[in-house]
Amino acid sequence: MARVRYFAAAEELAGTTEETRDEPTLGALRAALATERPGMAALLPRCAVLVGGSRVDDDEPLGADTVIDVLPPFAGG
């Protein structure tokens, strides 16, 4: 199962700092999160979602050792 880590506002909406998921692709993960947590549906399109530290397409396969980071836009500078 892939490990999903949430940061800042994404953590608040997810209700956890991390969880394991079994969706086969990044696109399937995005869709499942938006369905299960409606508040995330509006935030996810604005987030940087990194798979193994890189931005990838939604058809990217997710494996058992995959780490996904959900990073919402940050304010400040």
Protein backbone atom coordinates (compact mmCIF):
# COMPACT_ATOMS: atom_id res chain seq x y z
CA MET A 1 0.00 0.00 0.00
CA ALA A 2 1.18 3.50 -0.81
CA ARG A 3 1.81 5.99 1.99
CA VAL A 4 0.12 9.40 1.62
CA ARG A 5 1.43 12.30 3.71
CA TYR A 6 -0.67 15.43 4.16
CA PHE A 7 0.64 18.89 5.02
CA ALA A 8 -0.94 22.14 6.32
CA ALA A 9 -4.54 22.61 5.08
CA ALA A 10 -4.55 19.17 3.44
CA GLU A 11 -3.76 17.63 6.83
CA GLU A 12 -6.66 19.49 8.40
CA LEU A 13 -9.10 18.32 5.71
CA ALA A 14 -7.79 14.75 5.77
CA GLY A 15 -7.96 14.62 9.54
CA THR A 16 -4.58 12.89 9.70
CA THR A 17 -0.93 13.50 8.92
CA GLU A 18 -0.61 10.31 6.87
CA GLU A 19 -2.35 7.13 5.85
CA THR A 20 -1.86 4.11 3.63
CA ARG A 21 -3.95 3.71 0.48
CA ASP A 22 -4.39 0.99 -2.12
CA GLU A 23 -5.48 2.91 -5.24
CA PRO A 24 -3.53 1.73 -8.31
CA THR A 25 -2.79 5.17 -9.83
CA LEU A 26 -2.43 8.77 -8.75
CA GLY A 27 -5.62 9.67 -10.62
CA ALA A 28 -7.55 6.97 -8.78
CA LEU A 29 -6.16 8.27 -5.49
CA ARG A 30 -7.20 11.85 -6.29
CA ALA A 31 -10.72 10.71 -7.21
CA ALA A 32 -11.08 8.58 -4.07
CA LEU A 33 -9.90 11.38 -1.79
CA ALA A 34 -12.28 13.88 -3.38
CA THR A 35 -15.19 11.46 -2.95
CA GLU A 36 -14.38 10.38 0.61
CA ARG A 37 -13.49 13.86 1.86
CA PRO A 38 -15.57 16.44 -0.01
CA GLY A 39 -13.58 19.34 1.45
CA MET A 40 -10.49 18.03 -0.32
CA ALA A 41 -12.23 18.10 -3.70
CA ALA A 42 -11.78 21.88 -3.87
CA LEU A 43 -8.25 21.86 -2.46
CA LEU A 44 -6.64 19.00 -4.42
CA PRO A 45 -6.53 20.78 -7.80
CA ARG A 46 -4.49 23.56 -6.17
CA CYS A 47 -2.11 21.21 -4.36
CA ALA A 48 1.29 20.02 -5.45
CA VAL A 49 1.00 16.24 -5.31
CA LEU A 50 4.40 14.61 -5.41
CA VAL A 51 5.02 10.92 -5.97
CA GLY A 52 8.45 9.93 -4.78
CA GLY A 53 9.36 13.61 -4.64
CA SER A 54 8.36 14.38 -8.25
CA ARG A 55 5.33 15.75 -10.04
CA VAL A 56 3.85 13.05 -12.27
CA ASP A 57 0.75 12.47 -14.41
CA ASP A 58 -2.43 10.99 -12.99
CA ASP A 59 -1.75 7.69 -14.76
CA GLU A 60 1.36 7.15 -12.59
CA PRO A 61 1.13 3.73 -10.92
CA LEU A 62 1.33 3.61 -7.14
CA GLY A 63 3.17 0.73 -5.53
CA ALA A 64 3.58 -0.63 -2.04
CA ASP A 65 6.68 1.47 -1.35
CA THR A 66 5.38 4.70 -2.95
CA VAL A 67 5.29 7.91 -0.87
CA ILE A 68 2.82 10.59 -1.97
CA ASP A 69 3.04 14.10 -0.51
CA VAL A 70 -0.01 16.39 -0.71
CA LEU A 71 1.22 19.99 -0.39
CA PRO A 72 -1.33 22.79 -0.53
CA PRO A 73 -0.31 26.29 -1.56
CA PHE A 74 1.61 27.99 1.22
CA ALA A 75 1.37 31.68 2.04
CA GLY A 76 4.18 33.87 3.16
CA GLY A 77 7.68 34.25 1.99
